[in-house]
Amino acid sequence: MNILFICTMAALRSDTAAKILNDNGYTAKCAGTASDALVPLTEELVEWADIFFCMEREHRIKLRKRFPDALDTKLAITLDIEDEYYNMQPELIELIINRMAQFAHLLED
């Protein structure tokens, strides 16, 4: 299963989440909704993903607006993780693990 984490810049929250999941045997990438994101959200990434995890509601809205058909067949979940952490910050890691735990059943092939 291909997991795409989406935030604004793809530098802190979504990058941390992708690293955590990749380190635990999943296939994950990150992308940002900003035009100057480190890894911009592209059609190729949207097609690659089987499921989307958006850090904030605004990221899900932007995903739907830019790629309206993406959510017809794929699930997009909002994790409600504010942009107040740095990359791999222990508190961010713990928050991601706790939020993702409730969706573990969705990540099984």
Protein backbone atom coordinates (compact mmCIF):
# COMPACT_ATOMS: atom_id res chain seq x y z
CA MET A 1 0.00 0.00 0.00
CA ASN A 2 1.32 3.44 -0.97
CA ILE A 3 0.76 6.09 1.71
CA LEU A 4 1.05 9.81 0.97
CA PHE A 5 1.34 12.31 3.80
CA ILE A 6 0.38 15.86 2.88
CA CYS A 7 1.22 19.12 4.65
CA THR A 8 2.23 22.59 3.49
CA MET A 9 5.96 22.36 2.76
CA ALA A 10 6.68 18.59 3.02
CA ALA A 11 9.60 19.45 5.27
CA LEU A 12 8.48 18.83 8.83
CA ARG A 13 5.24 17.02 9.66
CA SER A 14 4.63 14.95 6.54
CA ASP A 15 8.33 14.19 6.11
CA THR A 16 8.51 12.95 9.70
CA ALA A 17 5.40 10.81 9.22
CA ALA A 18 6.76 9.26 6.02
CA LYS A 19 10.07 8.46 7.73
CA ILE A 20 8.29 6.81 10.67
CA LEU A 21 6.17 4.60 8.43
CA ASN A 22 9.03 3.72 6.09
CA ASP A 23 11.11 2.73 9.13
CA ASN A 24 8.26 0.38 10.12
CA GLY A 25 7.99 -1.46 6.83
CA TYR A 26 5.41 0.64 5.02
CA THR A 27 5.81 2.49 1.73
CA ALA A 28 5.25 6.19 2.36
CA LYS A 29 6.08 9.51 0.76
CA CYS A 30 5.31 13.11 1.58
CA ALA A 31 4.18 16.12 -0.43
CA GLY A 32 3.36 19.76 0.21
CA THR A 33 0.51 21.91 -1.00
CA ALA A 34 2.61 25.10 -1.22
CA SER A 35 3.99 26.06 -4.62
CA ASP A 36 7.48 26.17 -3.12
CA ALA A 37 7.19 22.91 -1.16
CA LEU A 38 10.29 20.73 -0.97
CA VAL A 39 8.23 17.97 -2.61
CA PRO A 40 5.25 19.53 -4.39
CA LEU A 41 1.95 17.69 -4.54
CA THR A 42 1.77 16.42 -8.13
CA GLU A 43 -0.60 14.35 -10.20
CA GLU A 44 2.02 11.61 -10.29
CA LEU A 45 2.12 11.40 -6.48
CA VAL A 46 -1.67 11.51 -6.25
CA GLU A 47 -1.93 8.62 -8.70
CA TRP A 48 0.82 6.71 -6.86
CA ALA A 49 -0.95 6.92 -3.49
CA ASP A 50 -3.53 4.43 -2.28
CA ILE A 51 -4.42 6.53 0.76
CA PHE A 52 -3.79 10.13 1.84
CA PHE A 53 -3.10 11.41 5.33
CA CYS A 54 -3.43 15.19 5.51
CA MET A 55 -1.95 17.03 8.46
CA GLU A 56 -4.68 19.67 8.55
CA ARG A 57 -8.15 20.12 7.10
CA GLU A 58 -6.85 22.79 4.70
CA HIS A 59 -4.53 20.24 3.10
CA ARG A 60 -7.46 17.89 2.40
CA ILE A 61 -9.41 20.80 0.90
CA LYS A 62 -6.48 21.70 -1.36
CA LEU A 63 -6.07 18.07 -2.41
CA ARG A 64 -9.75 17.88 -3.38
CA LYS A 65 -9.63 21.23 -5.17
CA ARG A 66 -6.51 20.46 -7.23
CA PHE A 67 -7.31 16.80 -7.88
CA PRO A 68 -11.10 16.49 -7.62
CA ASP A 69 -11.25 12.90 -8.85
CA ALA A 70 -8.63 11.63 -6.40
CA LEU A 71 -11.06 11.28 -3.52
CA ASP A 72 -13.64 9.42 -5.60
CA THR A 73 -11.76 6.16 -5.15
CA LYS A 74 -9.19 6.92 -2.44
CA LEU A 75 -9.51 7.74 1.21
CA ALA A 76 -8.14 11.01 2.63
CA ILE A 77 -7.84 11.28 6.39
CA THR A 78 -7.08 14.43 8.35
CA LEU A 79 -4.74 13.91 11.30
CA ASP A 80 -5.24 17.39 12.81
CA ILE A 81 -1.56 18.02 13.49
CA GLU A 82 -0.76 21.73 13.64
CA ASP A 83 2.37 23.25 12.11
CA GLU A 84 4.24 23.80 15.37
CA TYR A 85 6.90 21.10 15.32
CA TYR A 86 10.28 20.60 13.72
CA ASN A 87 11.37 17.57 11.71
CA MET A 88 11.67 14.41 13.82
CA GLN A 89 10.84 16.28 17.04
CA PRO A 90 10.09 13.64 19.71
CA GLU A 91 6.70 15.21 20.51
CA LEU A 92 5.78 15.15 16.82
CA ILE A 93 6.84 11.53 16.47
CA GLU A 94 4.72 10.55 19.48
CA LEU A 95 1.74 12.50 18.15
CA ILE A 96 1.98 10.90 14.70
CA ILE A 97 2.27 7.41 16.19
CA ASN A 98 -0.76 8.01 18.41
CA ARG A 99 -2.88 9.48 15.61
CA MET A 100 -1.87 6.76 13.13
CA ALA A 101 -2.63 3.94 15.58
CA GLN A 102 -6.35 4.36 15.05
CA PHE A 103 -5.91 3.87 11.30
CA ALA A 104 -3.56 0.86 11.40
CA HIS A 105 -6.32 -1.42 10.10
CA LEU A 106 -6.52 0.69 6.92
CA LEU A 107 -2.84 0.17 6.15
CA GLU A 108 -2.98 -3.60 5.89
CA ASP A 109 -2.84 -4.94 2.35
